[in-house]
Amino acid sequence: MTEQVKQIAQRLVGLREAEDMTCEQLASVIGVPIETYKKYENAEEDIPVSVLYDVAGHFGLELTELLSGSAPKLKDFSFIKQGKGLNVTRRKEYTYQSLSYNFAHAHSEALLVTVPVSDENEPMQETVHTGQEFNYMLEGRMEIMINKNIVILEPGDSLYFDSSYPHGMKALDGKPAKFVCVIMR
């Protein structure tokens, strides 16, 4: 695992222990099997952004605090130059770059997401998390499944949905797909 995954796992253990919670209790709160949760804490498995988002929400933290170990400071506005977002290596399937990491008390999390080319026959990895999600397609084409419904997104298309339903995506046409994702609490 990467150094970032190990550091996040250490913060996860520290938060849980500071609240005097067992692994079983926190796993139950965030809705993941205990075996999976223990792998997260031991840095044996990547932690999906959706899980990190739920953990941060449970402990009343900004997602950035869990990812980077420091709290965001900006309150009036946040300007991020192209390519300068906080890289978040959460799921090996996707590349995430946080575009709102330095804004304090944000009501949403803005991410630039790149979905790499994958085997078209490979099943989608689905996830669920609290809140709502807005996706705006920038490059490539992408198939997204929400609660067993399939939508094809092309550049300029947008999609808004309840992210508590199972959802997953994959790039089409043998090319990566890039989109802006905004997760609202």
Protein backbone atom coordinates (compact mmCIF):
# COMPACT_ATOMS: atom_id res chain seq x y z
CA MET A 1 0.00 0.00 0.00
CA THR A 2 1.06 3.58 -0.56
CA GLU A 3 2.32 5.80 2.23
CA GLN A 4 -0.88 7.87 1.95
CA VAL A 5 -3.04 4.78 2.56
CA LYS A 6 -0.94 3.88 5.61
CA GLN A 7 -1.27 7.40 7.03
CA ILE A 8 -5.03 7.44 6.50
CA ALA A 9 -5.28 4.02 8.20
CA GLN A 10 -3.36 5.40 11.20
CA ARG A 11 -5.71 8.40 11.41
CA LEU A 12 -8.68 6.03 11.23
CA VAL A 13 -7.35 4.01 14.20
CA GLY A 14 -6.61 7.20 16.14
CA LEU A 15 -10.10 8.61 15.61
CA ARG A 16 -11.81 5.36 16.55
CA GLU A 17 -9.72 4.94 19.69
CA ALA A 18 -10.19 8.60 20.71
CA GLU A 19 -13.95 8.01 20.63
CA ASP A 20 -13.53 4.75 22.59
CA MET A 21 -15.15 2.75 19.79
CA THR A 22 -14.43 -0.85 18.84
CA CYS A 23 -13.70 -1.86 15.25
CA GLU A 24 -17.07 -3.61 15.21
CA GLN A 25 -18.91 -0.46 16.29
CA LEU A 26 -17.35 1.79 13.67
CA ALA A 27 -17.75 -0.83 10.95
CA SER A 28 -21.44 -1.02 11.82
CA VAL A 29 -21.85 2.77 11.82
CA ILE A 30 -20.32 3.15 8.35
CA GLY A 31 -21.99 0.02 7.00
CA VAL A 32 -19.03 -2.16 6.03
CA PRO A 33 -18.30 -5.76 7.05
CA ILE A 34 -15.94 -6.01 10.02
CA GLU A 35 -13.41 -8.05 8.02
CA THR A 36 -13.22 -5.30 5.39
CA TYR A 37 -12.97 -2.58 8.02
CA LYS A 38 -10.04 -4.32 9.72
CA LYS A 39 -8.25 -4.47 6.34
CA TYR A 40 -8.75 -0.70 6.04
CA GLU A 41 -7.26 -0.09 9.50
CA ASN A 42 -4.29 -2.35 8.73
CA ALA A 43 -3.69 -0.60 5.37
CA GLU A 44 -4.21 -3.92 3.61
CA GLU A 45 -6.90 -2.59 1.29
CA ASP A 46 -7.63 0.77 -0.34
CA ILE A 47 -10.43 2.67 1.39
CA PRO A 48 -13.09 3.91 -1.04
CA VAL A 49 -13.76 7.66 -0.95
CA SER A 50 -17.37 6.89 -0.07
CA VAL A 51 -16.22 5.11 3.12
CA LEU A 52 -13.82 7.93 4.01
CA TYR A 53 -16.64 10.41 3.47
CA ASP A 54 -18.88 8.46 5.87
CA VAL A 55 -16.09 8.17 8.48
CA ALA A 56 -15.35 11.89 8.27
CA GLY A 57 -19.06 12.68 8.63
CA HIS A 58 -19.41 10.40 11.65
CA PHE A 59 -16.53 12.10 13.45
CA GLY A 60 -17.56 15.60 12.37
CA LEU A 61 -14.44 16.15 10.27
CA GLU A 62 -13.76 17.51 6.84
CA LEU A 63 -12.80 14.78 4.35
CA THR A 64 -9.55 16.70 3.83
CA GLU A 65 -8.60 16.21 7.50
CA LEU A 66 -8.87 12.45 7.10
CA LEU A 67 -6.96 12.49 3.79
CA SER A 68 -4.18 14.92 4.63
CA GLY A 69 -4.07 15.12 8.42
CA SER A 70 -4.65 18.87 8.46
CA ALA A 71 -7.79 20.97 8.48
CA PRO A 72 -8.68 23.27 5.59
CA LYS A 73 -8.19 26.98 6.37
CA LEU A 74 -9.83 29.03 3.60
CA LYS A 75 -13.27 30.50 4.27
CA ASP A 76 -14.06 33.11 1.61
CA PHE A 77 -13.08 31.17 -1.51
CA SER A 78 -10.72 28.49 -2.74
CA PHE A 79 -8.84 28.69 -6.05
CA ILE A 80 -7.12 25.57 -7.37
CA LYS A 81 -4.83 25.82 -10.41
CA GLN A 82 -5.16 23.13 -13.06
CA GLY A 83 -3.42 19.95 -11.91
CA LYS A 84 -2.88 21.27 -8.37
CA GLY A 85 -5.75 19.53 -6.58
CA LEU A 86 -5.01 17.16 -3.70
CA ASN A 87 -4.35 13.73 -5.21
CA VAL A 88 -6.45 11.09 -3.51
CA THR A 89 -5.36 7.53 -4.28
CA ARG A 90 -8.36 5.73 -2.90
CA ARG A 91 -9.55 3.07 -5.29
CA LYS A 92 -7.15 1.60 -7.77
CA GLU A 93 -9.88 1.74 -10.41
CA TYR A 94 -10.08 5.55 -10.40
CA THR A 95 -7.88 8.59 -9.93
CA TYR A 96 -9.32 11.31 -7.70
CA GLN A 97 -8.14 14.89 -7.29
CA SER A 98 -9.87 16.94 -4.59
CA LEU A 99 -10.78 20.41 -5.83
CA SER A 100 -12.19 21.66 -2.53
CA TYR A 101 -9.63 20.32 -0.06
CA ASN A 102 -8.55 23.70 1.34
CA PHE A 103 -11.99 25.27 1.92
CA ALA A 104 -13.12 25.09 5.55
CA HIS A 105 -16.59 23.78 6.42
CA ALA A 106 -17.50 22.96 2.81
CA HIS A 107 -21.01 21.59 2.35
CA SER A 108 -19.83 19.46 -0.57
CA GLU A 109 -16.73 17.72 -1.87
CA ALA A 110 -15.65 18.55 -5.43
CA LEU A 111 -13.47 15.96 -7.16
CA LEU A 112 -11.88 15.58 -10.58
CA VAL A 113 -12.26 11.87 -11.35
CA THR A 114 -10.51 9.87 -14.06
CA VAL A 115 -11.87 6.42 -14.88
CA PRO A 116 -9.24 4.35 -16.70
CA VAL A 117 -9.86 1.96 -19.55
CA SER A 118 -11.03 -1.42 -18.30
CA ASP A 119 -12.15 -4.71 -19.76
CA GLU A 120 -15.65 -4.09 -21.14
CA ASN A 121 -16.73 -7.51 -19.81
CA GLU A 122 -15.53 -6.77 -16.29
CA PRO A 123 -18.41 -6.01 -13.88
CA MET A 124 -18.64 -2.50 -12.43
CA GLN A 125 -17.49 -1.94 -8.88
CA GLU A 126 -20.50 -0.41 -7.15
CA THR A 127 -20.46 1.85 -4.11
CA VAL A 128 -22.97 3.64 -1.91
CA HIS A 129 -22.56 6.67 0.35
CA THR A 130 -24.76 9.22 2.04
CA GLY A 131 -25.87 12.36 0.27
CA GLN A 132 -26.35 13.29 -3.34
CA GLU A 133 -23.92 13.40 -6.24
CA PHE A 134 -23.56 15.58 -9.32
CA ASN A 135 -21.36 14.47 -12.23
CA TYR A 136 -20.36 16.68 -15.18
CA MET A 137 -18.63 14.85 -18.03
CA LEU A 138 -15.45 16.47 -19.42
CA GLU A 139 -13.70 13.89 -21.63
CA GLY A 140 -14.42 10.47 -23.07
CA ARG A 141 -17.60 8.46 -22.69
CA MET A 142 -18.72 6.65 -19.57
CA GLU A 143 -21.37 4.16 -18.62
CA ILE A 144 -22.80 4.72 -15.17
CA MET A 145 -25.19 2.39 -13.41
CA ILE A 146 -27.42 3.73 -10.65
CA ASN A 147 -29.67 1.28 -8.85
CA LYS A 148 -29.54 -1.04 -11.93
CA ASN A 149 -30.34 1.82 -14.38
CA ILE A 150 -27.75 2.49 -17.10
CA VAL A 151 -26.89 5.98 -18.37
CA ILE A 152 -24.24 6.87 -20.97
CA LEU A 153 -22.47 10.19 -20.34
CA GLU A 154 -20.63 12.15 -23.04
CA PRO A 155 -18.74 15.46 -22.77
CA GLY A 156 -21.11 18.21 -21.62
CA ASP A 157 -23.64 15.78 -20.12
CA SER A 158 -24.51 15.96 -16.44
CA LEU A 159 -26.13 13.64 -13.96
CA TYR A 160 -27.56 14.26 -10.48
CA PHE A 161 -28.56 11.35 -8.24
CA ASP A 162 -29.13 10.02 -4.73
CA SER A 163 -25.81 8.37 -3.90
CA SER A 164 -27.34 6.10 -1.28
CA TYR A 165 -28.33 3.87 -4.22
CA PRO A 166 -25.67 1.46 -5.51
CA HIS A 167 -23.73 3.11 -8.34
CA GLY A 168 -20.67 2.39 -10.43
CA MET A 169 -19.07 3.48 -13.67
CA LYS A 170 -16.71 2.45 -16.42
CA ALA A 171 -15.04 4.19 -19.33
CA LEU A 172 -16.16 3.28 -22.84
CA ASP A 173 -14.58 3.10 -26.31
CA GLY A 174 -11.16 2.03 -25.00
CA LYS A 175 -10.40 5.55 -23.69
CA PRO A 176 -10.30 6.99 -20.16
CA ALA A 177 -13.21 9.12 -19.00
CA LYS A 178 -12.83 12.31 -16.97
CA PHE A 179 -15.56 14.12 -15.05
CA VAL A 180 -16.17 16.55 -12.22
CA CYS A 181 -17.98 14.96 -9.29
CA VAL A 182 -19.60 16.98 -6.51
CA ILE A 183 -20.76 15.04 -3.46
CA MET A 184 -23.25 16.89 -1.26
CA ARG A 185 -23.97 15.92 2.31
